[in-house]
Amino acid sequence: MIKSLSNNFKKNKEIVLAAIENEPFAIGHADKKYLKNKEVAKVALKKNIHVYLILDSKLINDKEIMTLVGLNKKKGEK
């Protein structure tokens, strides 16, 4: 959906969020700044945790993001 839109639409946060609601991986076709945007990333991750794989490196090391996808658990935790 978002892939075919003009760059102006890909930079619009509301349009990106609406696209992510339907298809979480739309974040990868939006403006690259959204791969660094924690708020937008969280919306996408709540829909599909595999979006984690395409996020900016700063976000994939963020404790809150790691908790959201279940990657910062200590040994013995479920």
PDB file of N, CA and C in Angstrom:
ATOM      1  N   MET A   1       0.818  -1.194   0.000  1.00  0.00           N
ATOM      2  CA  MET A   1       0.000   0.000   0.000  1.00  0.00           C
ATOM      3  C   MET A   1       0.865   1.264   0.000  1.00  0.00           C
ATOM      4  N   ILE A   2       1.692   1.417   1.007  1.00  0.00           N
ATOM      5  CA  ILE A   2       2.500   2.632   1.119  1.00  0.00           C
ATOM      6  C   ILE A   2       3.630   2.647   0.095  1.00  0.00           C
ATOM      7  N   LYS A   3       4.025   1.478  -0.355  1.00  0.00           N
ATOM      8  CA  LYS A   3       5.138   1.362  -1.300  1.00  0.00           C
ATOM      9  C   LYS A   3       4.913   2.187  -2.563  1.00  0.00           C
ATOM     10  N   SER A   4       3.667   2.263  -3.015  1.00  0.00           N
ATOM     11  CA  SER A   4       3.367   2.963  -4.265  1.00  0.00           C
ATOM     12  C   SER A   4       3.056   4.449  -4.088  1.00  0.00           C
ATOM     13  N   LEU A   5       3.083   4.941  -2.859  1.00  0.00           N
ATOM     14  CA  LEU A   5       2.772   6.349  -2.604  1.00  0.00           C
ATOM     15  C   LEU A   5       3.972   7.248  -2.880  1.00  0.00           C
ATOM     16  N   SER A   6       3.689   8.524  -3.080  1.00  0.00           N
ATOM     17  CA  SER A   6       4.767   9.496  -3.292  1.00  0.00           C
ATOM     18  C   SER A   6       5.540   9.693  -1.991  1.00  0.00           C
ATOM     19  N   ASN A   7       6.738  10.240  -2.110  1.00  0.00           N
ATOM     20  CA  ASN A   7       7.581  10.470  -0.936  1.00  0.00           C
ATOM     21  C   ASN A   7       6.928  11.377   0.089  1.00  0.00           C
ATOM     22  N   ASN A   8       6.118  12.325  -0.364  1.00  0.00           N
ATOM     23  CA  ASN A   8       5.432  13.215   0.588  1.00  0.00           C
ATOM     24  C   ASN A   8       4.523  12.421   1.519  1.00  0.00           C
ATOM     25  N   PHE A   9       3.833  11.441   0.977  1.00  0.00           N
ATOM     26  CA  PHE A   9       2.959  10.612   1.806  1.00  0.00           C
ATOM     27  C   PHE A   9       3.773   9.689   2.705  1.00  0.00           C
ATOM     28  N   LYS A  10       4.901   9.210   2.210  1.00  0.00           N
ATOM     29  CA  LYS A  10       5.752   8.315   2.997  1.00  0.00           C
ATOM     30  C   LYS A  10       6.388   9.032   4.183  1.00  0.00           C
ATOM     31  N   LYS A  11       6.394  10.355   4.154  1.00  0.00           N
ATOM     32  CA  LYS A  11       6.941  11.160   5.250  1.00  0.00           C
ATOM     33  C   LYS A  11       5.867  11.587   6.244  1.00  0.00           C
ATOM     34  N   ASN A  12       4.607  11.366   5.905  1.00  0.00           N
ATOM     35  CA  ASN A  12       3.485  11.785   6.748  1.00  0.00           C
ATOM     36  C   ASN A  12       3.226  10.730   7.829  1.00  0.00           C
ATOM     37  N   LYS A  13       3.420  11.118   9.069  1.00  0.00           N
ATOM     38  CA  LYS A  13       3.329  10.174  10.189  1.00  0.00           C
ATOM     39  C   LYS A  13       1.953   9.515  10.285  1.00  0.00           C
ATOM     40  N   GLU A  14       0.892  10.272  10.099  1.00  0.00           N
ATOM     41  CA  GLU A  14      -0.451   9.709  10.214  1.00  0.00           C
ATOM     42  C   GLU A  14      -0.703   8.662   9.126  1.00  0.00           C
ATOM     43  N   ILE A  15      -0.223   8.933   7.926  1.00  0.00           N
ATOM     44  CA  ILE A  15      -0.387   7.978   6.818  1.00  0.00           C
ATOM     45  C   ILE A  15       0.438   6.719   7.096  1.00  0.00           C
ATOM     46  N   VAL A  16       1.650   6.906   7.581  1.00  0.00           N
ATOM     47  CA  VAL A  16       2.511   5.768   7.906  1.00  0.00           C
ATOM     48  C   VAL A  16       1.876   4.915   9.003  1.00  0.00           C
ATOM     49  N   LEU A  17       1.366   5.543  10.043  1.00  0.00           N
ATOM     50  CA  LEU A  17       0.727   4.797  11.126  1.00  0.00           C
ATOM     51  C   LEU A  17      -0.504   4.036  10.631  1.00  0.00           C
ATOM     52  N   ALA A  18      -1.289   4.656   9.762  1.00  0.00           N
ATOM     53  CA  ALA A  18      -2.463   3.975   9.202  1.00  0.00           C
ATOM     54  C   ALA A  18      -2.037   2.771   8.364  1.00  0.00           C
ATOM     55  N   ALA A  19      -0.972   2.924   7.603  1.00  0.00           N
ATOM     56  CA  ALA A  19      -0.472   1.823   6.783  1.00  0.00           C
ATOM     57  C   ALA A  19       0.041   0.682   7.662  1.00  0.00           C
ATOM     58  N   ILE A  20       0.712   1.029   8.740  1.00  0.00           N
ATOM     59  CA  ILE A  20       1.258   0.026   9.655  1.00  0.00           C
ATOM     60  C   ILE A  20       0.144  -0.752  10.343  1.00  0.00           C
ATOM     61  N   GLU A  21      -0.959  -0.096  10.618  1.00  0.00           N
ATOM     62  CA  GLU A  21      -2.104  -0.791  11.227  1.00  0.00           C
ATOM     63  C   GLU A  21      -2.566  -1.940  10.342  1.00  0.00           C
ATOM     64  N   ASN A  22      -2.509  -1.763   9.026  1.00  0.00           N
ATOM     65  CA  ASN A  22      -2.921  -2.801   8.091  1.00  0.00           C
ATOM     66  C   ASN A  22      -1.796  -3.780   7.777  1.00  0.00           C
ATOM     67  N   GLU A  23      -0.581  -3.271   7.693  1.00  0.00           N
ATOM     68  CA  GLU A  23       0.582  -4.094   7.322  1.00  0.00           C
ATOM     69  C   GLU A  23       1.807  -3.569   8.062  1.00  0.00           C
ATOM     70  N   PRO A  24       2.187  -4.223   9.158  1.00  0.00           N
ATOM     71  CA  PRO A  24       3.299  -3.732   9.974  1.00  0.00           C
ATOM     72  C   PRO A  24       4.602  -3.508   9.211  1.00  0.00           C
ATOM     73  N   PHE A  25       4.883  -4.326   8.204  1.00  0.00           N
ATOM     74  CA  PHE A  25       6.125  -4.168   7.456  1.00  0.00           C
ATOM     75  C   PHE A  25       6.094  -2.973   6.503  1.00  0.00           C
ATOM     76  N   ALA A  26       4.984  -2.253   6.465  1.00  0.00           N
ATOM     77  CA  ALA A  26       4.913  -1.012   5.691  1.00  0.00           C
ATOM     78  C   ALA A  26       5.928  -0.004   6.214  1.00  0.00           C
ATOM     79  N   ILE A  27       6.335  -0.167   7.460  1.00  0.00           N
ATOM     80  CA  ILE A  27       7.351   0.723   8.026  1.00  0.00           C
ATOM     81  C   ILE A  27       8.627   0.693   7.181  1.00  0.00           C
ATOM     82  N   GLY A  28       8.904  -0.415   6.542  1.00  0.00           N
ATOM     83  CA  GLY A  28      10.088  -0.543   5.709  1.00  0.00           C
ATOM     84  C   GLY A  28       9.994   0.203   4.388  1.00  0.00           C
ATOM     85  N   HIS A  29       8.777   0.550   3.986  1.00  0.00           N
ATOM     86  CA  HIS A  29       8.569   1.289   2.740  1.00  0.00           C
ATOM     87  C   HIS A  29       8.310   2.770   2.991  1.00  0.00           C
ATOM     88  N   ALA A  30       8.149   3.121   4.261  1.00  0.00           N
ATOM     89  CA  ALA A  30       7.947   4.525   4.624  1.00  0.00           C
ATOM     90  C   ALA A  30       9.299   5.235   4.617  1.00  0.00           C
ATOM     91  N   ASP A  31       9.281   6.524   4.885  1.00  0.00           N
ATOM     92  CA  ASP A  31      10.528   7.282   5.000  1.00  0.00           C
ATOM     93  C   ASP A  31      11.426   6.608   6.039  1.00  0.00           C
ATOM     94  N   LYS A  32      12.705   6.547   5.767  1.00  0.00           N
ATOM     95  CA  LYS A  32      13.655   5.833   6.627  1.00  0.00           C
ATOM     96  C   LYS A  32      13.675   6.346   8.068  1.00  0.00           C
ATOM     97  N   LYS A  33      13.236   7.579   8.278  1.00  0.00           N
ATOM     98  CA  LYS A  33      13.235   8.114   9.644  1.00  0.00           C
ATOM     99  C   LYS A  33      12.323   7.319  10.566  1.00  0.00           C
ATOM    100  N   TYR A  34      11.339   6.635  10.005  1.00  0.00           N
ATOM    101  CA  TYR A  34      10.421   5.866  10.833  1.00  0.00           C
ATOM    102  C   TYR A  34      11.024   4.560  11.328  1.00  0.00           C
ATOM    103  N   LEU A  35      12.093   4.104  10.699  1.00  0.00           N
ATOM    104  CA  LEU A  35      12.807   2.934  11.207  1.00  0.00           C
ATOM    105  C   LEU A  35      13.609   3.298  12.454  1.00  0.00           C
ATOM    106  N   LYS A  36      13.726   4.607  12.724  1.00  0.00           N
ATOM    107  CA  LYS A  36      14.420   5.122  13.904  1.00  0.00           C
ATOM    108  C   LYS A  36      13.445   5.698  14.924  1.00  0.00           C
ATOM    109  N   ASN A  37      12.161   5.780  14.562  1.00  0.00           N
ATOM    110  CA  ASN A  37      11.152   6.404  15.406  1.00  0.00           C
ATOM    111  C   ASN A  37      10.549   5.367  16.352  1.00  0.00           C
ATOM    112  N   LYS A  38      10.822   5.531  17.636  1.00  0.00           N
ATOM    113  CA  LYS A  38      10.402   4.552  18.641  1.00  0.00           C
ATOM    114  C   LYS A  38       8.881   4.393  18.702  1.00  0.00           C
ATOM    115  N   GLU A  39       8.161   5.497  18.653  1.00  0.00           N
ATOM    116  CA  GLU A  39       6.697   5.446  18.728  1.00  0.00           C
ATOM    117  C   GLU A  39       6.107   4.644  17.564  1.00  0.00           C
ATOM    118  N   VAL A  40       6.565   4.938  16.363  1.00  0.00           N
ATOM    119  CA  VAL A  40       6.062   4.251  15.174  1.00  0.00           C
ATOM    120  C   VAL A  40       6.494   2.781  15.198  1.00  0.00           C
ATOM    121  N   ALA A  41       7.720   2.535  15.593  1.00  0.00           N
ATOM    122  CA  ALA A  41       8.226   1.163  15.668  1.00  0.00           C
ATOM    123  C   ALA A  41       7.413   0.328  16.643  1.00  0.00           C
ATOM    124  N   LYS A  42       7.042   0.906  17.771  1.00  0.00           N
ATOM    125  CA  LYS A  42       6.244   0.175  18.764  1.00  0.00           C
ATOM    126  C   LYS A  42       4.887  -0.230  18.197  1.00  0.00           C
ATOM    127  N   VAL A  43       4.279   0.636  17.422  1.00  0.00           N
ATOM    128  CA  VAL A  43       2.991   0.304  16.797  1.00  0.00           C
ATOM    129  C   VAL A  43       3.167  -0.889  15.866  1.00  0.00           C
ATOM    130  N   ALA A  44       4.213  -0.848  15.061  1.00  0.00           N
ATOM    131  CA  ALA A  44       4.474  -1.943  14.124  1.00  0.00           C
ATOM    132  C   ALA A  44       4.805  -3.236  14.867  1.00  0.00           C
ATOM    133  N   LEU A  45       5.602  -3.143  15.898  1.00  0.00           N
ATOM    134  CA  LEU A  45       5.998  -4.329  16.657  1.00  0.00           C
ATOM    135  C   LEU A  45       4.831  -4.985  17.372  1.00  0.00           C
ATOM    136  N   LYS A  46       3.873  -4.188  17.812  1.00  0.00           N
ATOM    137  CA  LYS A  46       2.697  -4.755  18.473  1.00  0.00           C
ATOM    138  C   LYS A  46       1.843  -5.554  17.494  1.00  0.00           C
ATOM    139  N   LYS A  47       1.972  -5.252  16.222  1.00  0.00           N
ATOM    140  CA  LYS A  47       1.253  -5.988  15.178  1.00  0.00           C
ATOM    141  C   LYS A  47       2.037  -7.223  14.725  1.00  0.00           C
ATOM    142  N   ASN A  48       3.376  -7.088  14.691  1.00  0.00           N
ATOM    143  CA  ASN A  48       4.216  -8.193  14.236  1.00  0.00           C
ATOM    144  C   ASN A  48       5.634  -7.976  14.770  1.00  0.00           C
ATOM    145  N   ILE A  49       6.056  -8.813  15.713  1.00  0.00           N
ATOM    146  CA  ILE A  49       7.369  -8.610  16.340  1.00  0.00           C
ATOM    147  C   ILE A  49       8.529  -8.823  15.373  1.00  0.00           C
ATOM    148  N   HIS A  50       8.288  -9.440  14.249  1.00  0.00           N
ATOM    149  CA  HIS A  50       9.358  -9.656  13.279  1.00  0.00           C
ATOM    150  C   HIS A  50       9.819  -8.360  12.599  1.00  0.00           C
ATOM    151  N   VAL A  51       9.050  -7.297  12.753  1.00  0.00           N
ATOM    152  CA  VAL A  51       9.459  -5.981  12.253  1.00  0.00           C
ATOM    153  C   VAL A  51      10.782  -5.571  12.907  1.00  0.00           C
ATOM    154  N   TYR A  52      11.033  -6.108  14.068  1.00  0.00           N
ATOM    155  CA  TYR A  52      12.284  -5.849  14.797  1.00  0.00           C
ATOM    156  C   TYR A  52      13.508  -6.020  13.892  1.00  0.00           C
ATOM    157  N   LEU A  53      13.434  -6.964  12.995  1.00  0.00           N
ATOM    158  CA  LEU A  53      14.578  -7.291  12.137  1.00  0.00           C
ATOM    159  C   LEU A  53      14.968  -6.186  11.162  1.00  0.00           C
ATOM    160  N   ILE A  54      14.060  -5.251  10.890  1.00  0.00           N
ATOM    161  CA  ILE A  54      14.374  -4.186   9.928  1.00  0.00           C
ATOM    162  C   ILE A  54      14.544  -2.814  10.577  1.00  0.00           C
ATOM    163  N   LEU A  55      14.414  -2.744  11.894  1.00  0.00           N
ATOM    164  CA  LEU A  55      14.543  -1.462  12.584  1.00  0.00           C
ATOM    165  C   LEU A  55      15.990  -0.987  12.611  1.00  0.00           C
ATOM    166  N   ASP A  56      16.164   0.306  12.839  1.00  0.00           N
ATOM    167  CA  ASP A  56      17.483   0.911  12.982  1.00  0.00           C
ATOM    168  C   ASP A  56      18.217   0.296  14.176  1.00  0.00           C
ATOM    169  N   SER A  57      19.519   0.203  14.083  1.00  0.00           N
ATOM    170  CA  SER A  57      20.315  -0.446  15.129  1.00  0.00           C
ATOM    171  C   SER A  57      20.145   0.208  16.503  1.00  0.00           C
ATOM    172  N   LYS A  58      19.919   1.508  16.536  1.00  0.00           N
ATOM    173  CA  LYS A  58      19.702   2.171  17.829  1.00  0.00           C
ATOM    174  C   LYS A  58      18.426   1.662  18.495  1.00  0.00           C
ATOM    175  N   LEU A  59      17.410   1.383  17.695  1.00  0.00           N
ATOM    176  CA  LEU A  59      16.160   0.887  18.264  1.00  0.00           C
ATOM    177  C   LEU A  59      16.256  -0.585  18.647  1.00  0.00           C
ATOM    178  N   ILE A  60      16.980  -1.374  17.875  1.00  0.00           N
ATOM    179  CA  ILE A  60      17.027  -2.798  18.223  1.00  0.00           C
ATOM    180  C   ILE A  60      17.811  -3.030  19.512  1.00  0.00           C
ATOM    181  N   ASN A  61      18.590  -2.050  19.930  1.00  0.00           N
ATOM    182  CA  ASN A  61      19.311  -2.148  21.196  1.00  0.00           C
ATOM    183  C   ASN A  61      18.607  -1.407  22.336  1.00  0.00           C
ATOM    184  N   ASP A  62      17.470  -0.809  22.046  1.00  0.00           N
ATOM    185  CA  ASP A  62      16.697  -0.078  23.053  1.00  0.00           C
ATOM    186  C   ASP A  62      16.027  -1.082  24.005  1.00  0.00           C
ATOM    187  N   LYS A  63      16.162  -0.851  25.311  1.00  0.00           N
ATOM    188  CA  LYS A  63      15.627  -1.792  26.303  1.00  0.00           C
ATOM    189  C   LYS A  63      14.114  -1.964  26.181  1.00  0.00           C
ATOM    190  N   GLU A  64      13.397  -0.878  25.952  1.00  0.00           N
ATOM    191  CA  GLU A  64      11.939  -0.969  25.839  1.00  0.00           C
ATOM    192  C   GLU A  64      11.533  -1.780  24.601  1.00  0.00           C
ATOM    193  N   ILE A  65      12.224  -1.564  23.509  1.00  0.00           N
ATOM    194  CA  ILE A  65      11.942  -2.311  22.280  1.00  0.00           C
ATOM    195  C   ILE A  65      12.287  -3.783  22.490  1.00  0.00           C
ATOM    196  N   MET A  66      13.426  -4.048  23.106  1.00  0.00           N
ATOM    197  CA  MET A  66      13.820  -5.431  23.357  1.00  0.00           C
ATOM    198  C   MET A  66      12.822  -6.136  24.265  1.00  0.00           C
ATOM    199  N   THR A  67      12.299  -5.421  25.250  1.00  0.00           N
ATOM    200  CA  THR A  67      11.279  -5.997  26.126  1.00  0.00           C
ATOM    201  C   THR A  67      10.018  -6.312  25.337  1.00  0.00           C
ATOM    202  N   LEU A  68       9.637  -5.419  24.464  1.00  0.00           N
ATOM    203  CA  LEU A  68       8.432  -5.604  23.655  1.00  0.00           C
ATOM    204  C   LEU A  68       8.502  -6.876  22.810  1.00  0.00           C
ATOM    205  N   VAL A  69       9.680  -7.196  22.317  1.00  0.00           N
ATOM    206  CA  VAL A  69       9.822  -8.394  21.488  1.00  0.00           C
ATOM    207  C   VAL A  69      10.333  -9.595  22.285  1.00  0.00           C
ATOM    208  N   GLY A  70      10.527  -9.413  23.578  1.00  0.00           N
ATOM    209  CA  GLY A  70      10.908 -10.528  24.446  1.00  0.00           C
ATOM    210  C   GLY A  70      12.365 -10.937  24.370  1.00  0.00           C
ATOM    211  N   LEU A  71      13.244  -9.993  24.098  1.00  0.00           N
ATOM    212  CA  LEU A  71      14.657 -10.331  23.958  1.00  0.00           C
ATOM    213  C   LEU A  71      15.539  -9.976  25.143  1.00  0.00           C
ATOM    214  N   ASN A  72      14.995  -9.362  26.171  1.00  0.00           N
ATOM    215  CA  ASN A  72      15.874  -8.983  27.285  1.00  0.00           C
ATOM    216  C   ASN A  72      15.546  -9.750  28.558  1.00  0.00           C
ATOM    217  N   LYS A  73      15.007 -10.938  28.405  1.00  0.00           N
ATOM    218  CA  LYS A  73      14.686 -11.753  29.567  1.00  0.00           C
ATOM    219  C   LYS A  73      15.952 -12.377  30.135  1.00  0.00           C
ATOM    220  N   LYS A  74      15.953 -12.503  31.444  1.00  0.00           N
ATOM    221  CA  LYS A  74      17.095 -13.123  32.098  1.00  0.00           C
ATOM    222  C   LYS A  74      16.910 -14.644  32.080  1.00  0.00           C
ATOM    223  N   LYS A  75      17.990 -15.366  32.305  1.00  0.00           N
ATOM    224  CA  LYS A  75      17.910 -16.827  32.317  1.00  0.00           C
ATOM    225  C   LYS A  75      16.857 -17.285  33.314  1.00  0.00           C
ATOM    226  N   GLY A  76      16.048 -18.237  32.907  1.00  0.00           N
ATOM    227  CA  GLY A  76      15.021 -18.787  33.773  1.00  0.00           C
ATOM    228  C   GLY A  76      13.687 -18.076  33.698  1.00  0.00           C
ATOM    229  N   GLU A  77      13.610 -16.892  33.084  1.00  0.00           N
ATOM    230  CA  GLU A  77      12.345 -16.177  32.935  1.00  0.00           C
ATOM    231  C   GLU A  77      11.602 -16.680  31.718  1.00  0.00           C
ATOM    232  N   LYS A  78      10.290 -16.609  31.818  1.00  0.00           N
ATOM    233  CA  LYS A  78       9.451 -16.982  30.669  1.00  0.00           C
ATOM    234  C   LYS A  78       8.759 -15.781  30.105  1.00  0.00           C
TER     235      LYS A  78
END
